[in-house]
N, C-alpha and C. Protein backbone atom coordinates (compact mmCIF):
# COMPACT_ATOMS: atom_id res chain seq x y z
N MET A 1 88.31 -173.61 -12.20
CA MET A 1 88.39 -174.05 -10.82
C MET A 1 88.91 -175.48 -10.78
N ASN A 2 89.74 -175.72 -9.78
CA ASN A 2 90.28 -177.07 -9.60
C ASN A 2 89.34 -177.86 -8.72
N GLN A 3 89.26 -179.15 -9.01
CA GLN A 3 88.47 -180.03 -8.15
C GLN A 3 89.41 -181.05 -7.54
N THR A 4 89.33 -181.21 -6.21
CA THR A 4 90.14 -182.18 -5.52
C THR A 4 89.25 -182.92 -4.55
N LYS A 5 89.15 -184.23 -4.74
CA LYS A 5 88.35 -185.09 -3.86
C LYS A 5 86.94 -184.56 -3.66
N GLY A 6 86.34 -184.04 -4.70
CA GLY A 6 84.95 -183.62 -4.64
C GLY A 6 84.72 -182.24 -4.07
N PHE A 7 85.75 -181.53 -3.66
CA PHE A 7 85.59 -180.19 -3.12
C PHE A 7 86.09 -179.19 -4.14
N GLU A 8 85.38 -178.10 -4.31
CA GLU A 8 85.83 -177.06 -5.21
C GLU A 8 86.63 -176.04 -4.41
N PHE A 9 87.78 -175.70 -4.94
CA PHE A 9 88.61 -174.71 -4.29
C PHE A 9 88.55 -173.43 -5.10
N LEU A 10 88.17 -172.37 -4.45
CA LEU A 10 88.08 -171.08 -5.11
C LEU A 10 89.39 -170.33 -4.94
N ARG A 11 89.77 -169.62 -5.95
CA ARG A 11 90.95 -168.78 -5.83
C ARG A 11 90.56 -167.53 -5.06
N LEU A 12 91.33 -167.22 -4.06
CA LEU A 12 91.06 -166.02 -3.28
C LEU A 12 91.62 -164.81 -4.00
N PRO A 13 90.95 -163.68 -3.94
CA PRO A 13 91.48 -162.48 -4.60
C PRO A 13 92.78 -162.06 -3.93
N SER A 14 93.63 -161.42 -4.67
CA SER A 14 94.91 -160.98 -4.13
C SER A 14 94.70 -159.82 -3.17
N LEU A 15 95.71 -159.57 -2.35
CA LEU A 15 95.64 -158.50 -1.36
C LEU A 15 95.44 -157.13 -2.01
N PRO A 16 96.13 -156.80 -3.13
CA PRO A 16 95.87 -155.50 -3.77
C PRO A 16 94.42 -155.37 -4.23
N ARG A 17 93.81 -156.47 -4.67
CA ARG A 17 92.42 -156.41 -5.11
C ARG A 17 91.49 -156.12 -3.93
N ILE A 18 91.77 -156.75 -2.79
CA ILE A 18 90.97 -156.52 -1.59
C ILE A 18 91.10 -155.06 -1.16
N ALA A 19 92.34 -154.53 -1.18
CA ALA A 19 92.56 -153.13 -0.80
C ALA A 19 91.80 -152.19 -1.74
N GLY A 20 91.76 -152.52 -3.02
CA GLY A 20 91.03 -151.70 -3.98
C GLY A 20 89.55 -151.69 -3.69
N VAL A 21 89.00 -152.86 -3.35
CA VAL A 21 87.57 -152.94 -3.02
C VAL A 21 87.27 -152.11 -1.78
N LEU A 22 88.15 -152.18 -0.77
CA LEU A 22 87.94 -151.38 0.43
C LEU A 22 88.01 -149.89 0.13
N ALA A 23 88.95 -149.48 -0.72
CA ALA A 23 89.06 -148.07 -1.09
C ALA A 23 87.81 -147.61 -1.82
N LEU A 24 87.29 -148.44 -2.73
CA LEU A 24 86.07 -148.11 -3.47
C LEU A 24 84.89 -147.98 -2.50
N THR A 25 84.81 -148.90 -1.55
CA THR A 25 83.73 -148.86 -0.55
C THR A 25 83.81 -147.58 0.27
N ALA A 26 85.02 -147.19 0.66
CA ALA A 26 85.20 -145.96 1.43
C ALA A 26 84.79 -144.75 0.60
N ALA A 27 85.14 -144.74 -0.70
CA ALA A 27 84.78 -143.62 -1.57
C ALA A 27 83.27 -143.52 -1.72
N VAL A 28 82.60 -144.65 -1.88
CA VAL A 28 81.14 -144.65 -1.99
C VAL A 28 80.53 -144.16 -0.69
N SER A 29 81.12 -144.56 0.45
CA SER A 29 80.61 -144.14 1.75
C SER A 29 80.70 -142.64 1.91
N VAL A 30 81.81 -142.05 1.44
CA VAL A 30 82.00 -140.61 1.57
C VAL A 30 80.96 -139.86 0.75
N THR A 31 80.73 -140.32 -0.47
CA THR A 31 79.79 -139.61 -1.34
C THR A 31 78.35 -139.83 -0.93
N SER A 32 78.07 -140.90 -0.22
CA SER A 32 76.68 -141.16 0.17
C SER A 32 76.36 -140.58 1.54
N GLY A 33 77.32 -139.91 2.17
CA GLY A 33 77.06 -139.27 3.45
C GLY A 33 77.26 -140.19 4.64
N CYS A 34 77.83 -141.36 4.43
CA CYS A 34 78.09 -142.29 5.54
C CYS A 34 79.34 -141.86 6.30
N LEU A 35 79.55 -142.43 7.45
CA LEU A 35 80.74 -142.15 8.21
C LEU A 35 81.96 -142.69 7.49
N VAL A 36 83.08 -142.01 7.61
CA VAL A 36 84.32 -142.45 7.00
C VAL A 36 85.11 -143.23 8.04
N ILE A 37 85.62 -144.38 7.64
CA ILE A 37 86.40 -145.22 8.53
C ILE A 37 87.85 -144.81 8.43
N LYS A 38 88.53 -144.67 9.57
CA LYS A 38 89.94 -144.31 9.57
C LYS A 38 90.77 -145.46 9.03
N ASP A 39 91.97 -145.13 8.60
CA ASP A 39 92.92 -146.14 8.13
C ASP A 39 93.29 -147.03 9.31
N ILE A 40 93.00 -148.31 9.19
CA ILE A 40 93.31 -149.24 10.28
C ILE A 40 94.43 -150.20 9.90
N SER A 41 95.12 -149.90 8.80
CA SER A 41 96.18 -150.80 8.38
C SER A 41 97.37 -150.76 9.33
N GLN A 42 97.57 -149.67 10.04
CA GLN A 42 98.65 -149.55 11.01
C GLN A 42 98.04 -149.28 12.38
N PRO A 43 97.65 -150.34 13.12
CA PRO A 43 97.01 -150.09 14.42
C PRO A 43 97.98 -149.37 15.35
N ARG A 44 97.43 -148.39 16.04
CA ARG A 44 98.22 -147.62 16.99
C ARG A 44 97.66 -147.87 18.38
N VAL A 45 98.55 -148.29 19.28
CA VAL A 45 98.12 -148.61 20.63
C VAL A 45 98.94 -147.77 21.60
N ASP A 46 98.24 -147.06 22.44
CA ASP A 46 98.89 -146.30 23.49
C ASP A 46 99.21 -147.27 24.62
N SER A 47 100.48 -147.40 24.96
CA SER A 47 100.89 -148.40 25.94
C SER A 47 100.27 -148.16 27.31
N SER A 48 99.83 -146.94 27.60
CA SER A 48 99.20 -146.68 28.89
C SER A 48 97.80 -147.28 28.96
N GLU A 49 97.21 -147.62 27.80
CA GLU A 49 95.88 -148.20 27.77
C GLU A 49 95.89 -149.71 27.81
N VAL A 50 97.07 -150.33 27.66
CA VAL A 50 97.16 -151.79 27.62
C VAL A 50 97.06 -152.34 29.03
N ARG A 51 96.17 -153.28 29.23
CA ARG A 51 96.01 -153.92 30.53
C ARG A 51 96.61 -155.31 30.48
N GLN A 52 97.13 -155.74 31.60
CA GLN A 52 97.65 -157.09 31.67
C GLN A 52 96.47 -158.06 31.61
N PRO A 53 96.64 -159.21 30.97
CA PRO A 53 95.54 -160.17 30.96
C PRO A 53 95.32 -160.76 32.34
N ARG A 54 94.08 -161.09 32.62
CA ARG A 54 93.77 -161.74 33.88
C ARG A 54 93.98 -163.23 33.70
N GLU A 55 94.76 -163.80 34.58
CA GLU A 55 95.09 -165.21 34.48
C GLU A 55 94.47 -165.95 35.66
N PRO A 56 93.75 -167.06 35.40
CA PRO A 56 93.22 -167.82 36.52
C PRO A 56 94.35 -168.58 37.22
N VAL A 57 94.35 -168.53 38.53
CA VAL A 57 95.29 -169.29 39.34
C VAL A 57 94.48 -170.35 40.06
N ARG A 58 94.86 -171.61 39.89
CA ARG A 58 94.12 -172.72 40.50
C ARG A 58 95.09 -173.57 41.31
N PHE A 59 94.62 -174.02 42.43
CA PHE A 59 95.37 -175.03 43.19
C PHE A 59 94.38 -175.79 44.06
N SER A 60 94.80 -176.95 44.50
CA SER A 60 93.94 -177.77 45.34
C SER A 60 94.72 -178.20 46.57
N MET A 61 93.97 -178.56 47.59
CA MET A 61 94.54 -178.99 48.86
C MET A 61 93.61 -180.03 49.47
N THR A 62 94.14 -180.80 50.39
CA THR A 62 93.30 -181.71 51.16
C THR A 62 93.51 -181.39 52.64
N THR A 63 92.52 -181.76 53.42
CA THR A 63 92.60 -181.55 54.86
C THR A 63 91.90 -182.71 55.56
N GLU A 64 92.32 -182.96 56.79
CA GLU A 64 91.67 -183.99 57.59
C GLU A 64 90.36 -183.50 58.20
N ARG A 65 90.11 -182.21 58.14
CA ARG A 65 88.86 -181.65 58.67
C ARG A 65 87.68 -182.13 57.83
N ASP A 66 86.58 -182.42 58.49
CA ASP A 66 85.38 -182.82 57.74
C ASP A 66 84.87 -181.63 56.95
N VAL A 67 84.03 -181.90 55.94
CA VAL A 67 83.60 -180.87 54.99
C VAL A 67 82.85 -179.72 55.66
N ASP A 68 82.02 -180.03 56.65
CA ASP A 68 81.25 -178.98 57.31
C ASP A 68 82.14 -178.06 58.16
N THR A 69 83.09 -178.65 58.89
CA THR A 69 84.01 -177.85 59.70
C THR A 69 84.92 -177.00 58.81
N ALA A 70 85.42 -177.59 57.73
CA ALA A 70 86.28 -176.84 56.79
C ALA A 70 85.51 -175.65 56.22
N TYR A 71 84.24 -175.88 55.83
CA TYR A 71 83.42 -174.79 55.28
C TYR A 71 83.27 -173.66 56.28
N VAL A 72 82.90 -173.96 57.51
CA VAL A 72 82.65 -172.93 58.52
C VAL A 72 83.93 -172.13 58.79
N ARG A 73 85.06 -172.83 58.91
CA ARG A 73 86.31 -172.13 59.19
C ARG A 73 86.76 -171.24 58.03
N LEU A 74 86.61 -171.73 56.79
CA LEU A 74 87.00 -170.93 55.63
C LEU A 74 86.06 -169.75 55.44
N LYS A 75 84.78 -169.97 55.66
CA LYS A 75 83.78 -168.90 55.53
C LYS A 75 84.11 -167.78 56.51
N ARG A 76 84.42 -168.15 57.74
CA ARG A 76 84.74 -167.16 58.78
C ARG A 76 86.07 -166.45 58.48
N THR A 77 87.09 -167.20 58.11
CA THR A 77 88.41 -166.63 57.88
C THR A 77 88.44 -165.66 56.70
N PHE A 78 87.77 -166.03 55.60
CA PHE A 78 87.79 -165.19 54.40
C PHE A 78 86.64 -164.19 54.37
N GLY A 79 85.67 -164.34 55.26
CA GLY A 79 84.56 -163.39 55.32
C GLY A 79 83.51 -163.62 54.25
N PHE A 80 83.40 -164.85 53.73
CA PHE A 80 82.35 -165.14 52.75
C PHE A 80 80.99 -164.99 53.42
N ARG A 81 80.00 -164.50 52.63
CA ARG A 81 78.67 -164.27 53.17
C ARG A 81 77.62 -165.03 52.35
N THR A 82 76.62 -165.51 53.04
CA THR A 82 75.50 -166.15 52.34
C THR A 82 74.61 -165.05 51.77
N LEU A 83 73.72 -165.44 50.87
CA LEU A 83 72.78 -164.47 50.29
C LEU A 83 71.94 -163.82 51.38
N ASP A 84 71.49 -164.61 52.36
CA ASP A 84 70.69 -164.05 53.45
C ASP A 84 71.47 -163.06 54.30
N GLU A 85 72.79 -163.25 54.42
CA GLU A 85 73.60 -162.30 55.18
C GLU A 85 73.81 -160.99 54.42
N ILE A 86 73.87 -161.07 53.09
CA ILE A 86 74.05 -159.86 52.28
C ILE A 86 72.74 -159.10 52.15
N ALA A 87 71.68 -159.83 51.81
CA ALA A 87 70.36 -159.21 51.58
C ALA A 87 69.30 -160.16 52.15
N PRO A 88 68.75 -159.84 53.30
CA PRO A 88 67.74 -160.70 53.91
C PRO A 88 66.53 -160.92 52.99
N PRO A 89 65.80 -162.00 53.19
CA PRO A 89 64.60 -162.25 52.37
C PRO A 89 63.69 -161.01 52.36
N GLY A 90 63.16 -160.70 51.19
CA GLY A 90 62.32 -159.53 51.02
C GLY A 90 63.09 -158.32 50.52
N ASN A 91 64.41 -158.36 50.59
CA ASN A 91 65.24 -157.26 50.09
C ASN A 91 65.26 -157.30 48.57
N ASN A 92 65.00 -156.16 47.94
CA ASN A 92 64.93 -156.10 46.47
C ASN A 92 66.26 -156.37 45.78
N ASN A 93 67.37 -156.25 46.49
CA ASN A 93 68.68 -156.47 45.89
C ASN A 93 69.02 -157.94 45.67
N ARG A 94 68.26 -158.84 46.26
CA ARG A 94 68.55 -160.28 46.15
C ARG A 94 68.61 -160.73 44.69
N ASP A 95 67.68 -160.27 43.87
CA ASP A 95 67.66 -160.68 42.47
C ASP A 95 68.92 -160.22 41.74
N TRP A 96 69.40 -159.04 42.05
CA TRP A 96 70.61 -158.52 41.40
C TRP A 96 71.84 -159.27 41.86
N ILE A 97 71.91 -159.58 43.13
CA ILE A 97 73.06 -160.30 43.68
C ILE A 97 73.18 -161.67 43.04
N VAL A 98 72.06 -162.36 42.86
CA VAL A 98 72.07 -163.69 42.25
C VAL A 98 72.59 -163.63 40.81
N LEU A 99 72.37 -162.53 40.12
CA LEU A 99 72.83 -162.37 38.73
C LEU A 99 74.31 -162.02 38.63
N ASP A 100 74.94 -161.64 39.72
CA ASP A 100 76.35 -161.24 39.71
C ASP A 100 77.25 -162.46 39.52
N ALA A 101 78.00 -162.47 38.41
CA ALA A 101 78.90 -163.60 38.11
C ALA A 101 80.04 -163.69 39.12
N GLY A 102 80.30 -162.63 39.85
CA GLY A 102 81.37 -162.63 40.84
C GLY A 102 80.94 -163.11 42.21
N TYR A 103 79.70 -163.56 42.32
CA TYR A 103 79.21 -164.02 43.62
C TYR A 103 78.39 -165.29 43.49
N HIS A 104 78.66 -166.23 44.35
CA HIS A 104 77.73 -167.32 44.63
C HIS A 104 78.10 -167.94 45.97
N HIS A 105 77.11 -168.56 46.58
CA HIS A 105 77.30 -169.25 47.84
C HIS A 105 76.36 -170.44 47.83
N ARG A 106 76.91 -171.60 47.53
CA ARG A 106 76.10 -172.82 47.39
C ARG A 106 76.48 -173.81 48.48
N THR A 107 75.45 -174.36 49.10
CA THR A 107 75.71 -175.30 50.19
C THR A 107 74.89 -176.58 50.03
N THR A 108 75.57 -177.69 50.20
CA THR A 108 74.94 -179.00 50.34
C THR A 108 75.61 -179.62 51.56
N PRO A 109 75.05 -179.37 52.76
CA PRO A 109 75.71 -179.80 54.00
C PRO A 109 76.11 -181.28 53.97
N GLY A 110 77.32 -181.50 54.45
CA GLY A 110 77.86 -182.85 54.51
C GLY A 110 78.46 -183.36 53.21
N VAL A 111 78.30 -182.58 52.12
CA VAL A 111 78.76 -183.04 50.81
C VAL A 111 79.63 -182.01 50.09
N HIS A 112 79.11 -180.80 49.87
CA HIS A 112 79.80 -179.83 49.03
C HIS A 112 79.42 -178.40 49.41
N TYR A 113 80.40 -177.51 49.35
CA TYR A 113 80.19 -176.08 49.54
C TYR A 113 81.00 -175.35 48.48
N SER A 114 80.44 -174.26 47.95
CA SER A 114 81.16 -173.42 46.99
C SER A 114 80.88 -171.97 47.31
N MET A 115 81.97 -171.21 47.52
CA MET A 115 81.85 -169.80 47.89
C MET A 115 82.67 -168.97 46.90
N ARG A 116 82.05 -167.97 46.29
CA ARG A 116 82.77 -167.04 45.40
C ARG A 116 82.31 -165.63 45.72
N GLU A 117 83.30 -164.76 45.93
CA GLU A 117 82.97 -163.38 46.28
C GLU A 117 84.23 -162.52 46.17
N ARG A 118 84.04 -161.21 45.98
CA ARG A 118 85.18 -160.29 46.02
C ARG A 118 85.61 -160.17 47.47
N ARG A 119 86.88 -160.42 47.73
CA ARG A 119 87.42 -160.39 49.08
C ARG A 119 88.73 -159.62 49.08
N ASP A 120 89.08 -159.10 50.24
CA ASP A 120 90.38 -158.46 50.45
C ASP A 120 91.28 -159.47 51.15
N ILE A 121 92.45 -159.70 50.56
CA ILE A 121 93.42 -160.63 51.14
C ILE A 121 94.76 -159.91 51.17
N ASN A 122 95.30 -159.71 52.36
CA ASN A 122 96.59 -159.04 52.53
C ASN A 122 96.63 -157.69 51.83
N GLY A 123 95.54 -156.93 51.91
CA GLY A 123 95.49 -155.61 51.31
C GLY A 123 95.22 -155.59 49.82
N GLU A 124 95.00 -156.74 49.22
CA GLU A 124 94.70 -156.84 47.78
C GLU A 124 93.25 -157.29 47.62
N SER A 125 92.57 -156.78 46.60
CA SER A 125 91.16 -157.10 46.38
C SER A 125 90.97 -157.85 45.07
N GLY A 126 90.13 -158.87 45.10
CA GLY A 126 89.82 -159.63 43.90
C GLY A 126 88.75 -160.67 44.19
N ILE A 127 88.35 -161.39 43.17
CA ILE A 127 87.34 -162.44 43.33
C ILE A 127 88.05 -163.76 43.54
N ILE A 128 87.65 -164.46 44.59
CA ILE A 128 88.22 -165.77 44.90
C ILE A 128 87.07 -166.75 45.08
N GLN A 129 87.29 -167.97 44.65
CA GLN A 129 86.31 -169.04 44.82
C GLN A 129 86.99 -170.20 45.52
N ILE A 130 86.32 -170.72 46.55
CA ILE A 130 86.81 -171.90 47.26
C ILE A 130 85.69 -172.93 47.26
N ASP A 131 85.98 -174.09 46.71
CA ASP A 131 85.05 -175.22 46.72
C ASP A 131 85.56 -176.23 47.74
N VAL A 132 84.66 -176.73 48.58
CA VAL A 132 85.00 -177.70 49.60
C VAL A 132 84.14 -178.94 49.36
N ASP A 133 84.78 -180.08 49.12
CA ASP A 133 84.07 -181.34 48.87
C ASP A 133 84.48 -182.38 49.89
N ARG A 134 83.52 -183.24 50.25
CA ARG A 134 83.83 -184.34 51.16
C ARG A 134 84.79 -185.29 50.46
N ASP A 135 85.80 -185.72 51.19
CA ASP A 135 86.79 -186.66 50.67
C ASP A 135 87.05 -187.67 51.78
N GLY A 136 86.22 -188.72 51.80
CA GLY A 136 86.30 -189.68 52.90
C GLY A 136 85.87 -189.00 54.18
N SER A 137 86.74 -189.07 55.20
CA SER A 137 86.42 -188.37 56.45
C SER A 137 87.00 -186.96 56.46
N GLY A 138 87.76 -186.60 55.43
CA GLY A 138 88.34 -185.27 55.32
C GLY A 138 87.67 -184.47 54.23
N SER A 139 88.42 -183.49 53.68
CA SER A 139 87.87 -182.61 52.64
C SER A 139 88.91 -182.34 51.56
N TYR A 140 88.40 -182.10 50.36
CA TYR A 140 89.21 -181.71 49.21
C TYR A 140 88.84 -180.28 48.87
N LEU A 141 89.82 -179.39 48.75
CA LEU A 141 89.58 -177.98 48.47
C LEU A 141 90.10 -177.65 47.08
N GLU A 142 89.31 -176.92 46.33
CA GLU A 142 89.71 -176.38 45.03
C GLU A 142 89.61 -174.87 45.14
N VAL A 143 90.71 -174.16 44.87
CA VAL A 143 90.77 -172.71 45.01
C VAL A 143 91.06 -172.09 43.65
N VAL A 144 90.29 -171.05 43.27
CA VAL A 144 90.50 -170.35 42.01
C VAL A 144 90.40 -168.85 42.28
N TYR A 145 91.38 -168.11 41.76
CA TYR A 145 91.29 -166.65 41.79
C TYR A 145 91.99 -166.13 40.54
N TYR A 146 91.74 -164.86 40.20
CA TYR A 146 92.36 -164.25 39.03
C TYR A 146 93.47 -163.32 39.48
N SER A 147 94.58 -163.36 38.73
CA SER A 147 95.69 -162.47 39.05
C SER A 147 96.07 -161.69 37.81
N GLY A 148 96.68 -160.54 38.04
CA GLY A 148 97.08 -159.67 36.93
C GLY A 148 95.89 -158.84 36.49
N GLY A 149 96.15 -157.72 35.90
CA GLY A 149 95.07 -156.88 35.41
C GLY A 149 94.42 -156.06 36.50
N GLU A 150 93.44 -155.29 36.07
CA GLU A 150 92.73 -154.41 36.97
C GLU A 150 91.69 -155.20 37.76
N HIS A 151 91.49 -154.86 39.02
CA HIS A 151 90.50 -155.50 39.90
C HIS A 151 90.79 -156.99 40.08
N ALA A 152 92.06 -157.36 40.15
CA ALA A 152 92.43 -158.76 40.36
C ALA A 152 93.59 -158.81 41.34
N PHE A 153 93.84 -159.98 41.87
CA PHE A 153 94.95 -160.16 42.80
C PHE A 153 96.28 -160.06 42.05
N PRO A 154 97.37 -159.80 42.78
CA PRO A 154 98.67 -159.65 42.11
C PRO A 154 99.19 -160.98 41.53
N LEU A 155 100.02 -160.85 40.51
CA LEU A 155 100.69 -162.00 39.92
C LEU A 155 101.77 -162.51 40.86
N GLY A 156 102.13 -163.77 40.71
CA GLY A 156 103.29 -164.28 41.43
C GLY A 156 102.98 -165.35 42.45
N ASP A 157 104.04 -166.09 42.76
CA ASP A 157 103.93 -167.19 43.72
C ASP A 157 103.77 -166.70 45.15
N ASP A 158 104.29 -165.51 45.45
CA ASP A 158 104.21 -165.01 46.83
C ASP A 158 102.76 -164.88 47.28
N PHE A 159 101.92 -164.31 46.42
CA PHE A 159 100.51 -164.14 46.80
C PHE A 159 99.83 -165.50 46.96
N GLN A 160 100.11 -166.43 46.04
CA GLN A 160 99.52 -167.78 46.13
C GLN A 160 99.95 -168.46 47.43
N GLN A 161 101.20 -168.31 47.82
CA GLN A 161 101.66 -168.91 49.08
C GLN A 161 100.96 -168.27 50.28
N ASN A 162 100.68 -166.96 50.19
CA ASN A 162 99.94 -166.28 51.27
C ASN A 162 98.52 -166.83 51.38
N VAL A 163 97.87 -167.07 50.24
CA VAL A 163 96.51 -167.62 50.25
C VAL A 163 96.53 -169.03 50.84
N LYS A 164 97.48 -169.85 50.41
CA LYS A 164 97.59 -171.21 50.95
C LYS A 164 97.82 -171.19 52.46
N ALA A 165 98.70 -170.29 52.92
CA ALA A 165 98.98 -170.19 54.35
C ALA A 165 97.73 -169.77 55.13
N LYS A 166 96.95 -168.86 54.56
CA LYS A 166 95.72 -168.42 55.22
C LYS A 166 94.73 -169.58 55.33
N ILE A 167 94.63 -170.39 54.28
CA ILE A 167 93.75 -171.56 54.30
C ILE A 167 94.23 -172.57 55.35
N GLU A 168 95.53 -172.84 55.34
CA GLU A 168 96.09 -173.81 56.31
C GLU A 168 95.86 -173.34 57.74
N ASP A 169 96.04 -172.03 57.99
CA ASP A 169 95.81 -171.50 59.34
C ASP A 169 94.35 -171.67 59.74
N ALA A 170 93.44 -171.45 58.79
CA ALA A 170 92.00 -171.58 59.08
C ALA A 170 91.63 -173.01 59.42
N LEU A 171 92.32 -173.96 58.85
CA LEU A 171 91.95 -175.36 59.02
C LEU A 171 92.72 -176.08 60.13
N ARG A 172 93.57 -175.34 60.87
CA ARG A 172 94.31 -175.96 61.98
C ARG A 172 93.43 -176.20 63.15
């Protein structure tokens, strides 16, 4: 073994040696009654099973509207619901809703609001989150949604422009 600067470097076994060990392991597995593993050296992927990756789309905006007014208008326009609106106190579903990573509704009046929920926008369904923060006498908005893949909004700038236009209309 070579020593360099106090570290020992081990020689790694060659690829044929690794393949031999795997073949021996498979043979022992067969004789011992274990499950046999298929040959995975040539992965086969059916293109119909491949899903597009979900990509987060983020953008921010500012508005002259105060944080509370911006929150109320965006909540109404996008149809975001508070926990009490979804499941009134005493409803057994409240605990499950709180555990859902696709939902939250957090409010600190006069300072910050964050709404995340599956919504339909222009006939497309996906999870969108809008954070509204006080920015002087106006508000700063941070918007995040996922595009591409199953159960997500469509890819492309057209959809993002539609979301921005919907926000701008809500805040007029």
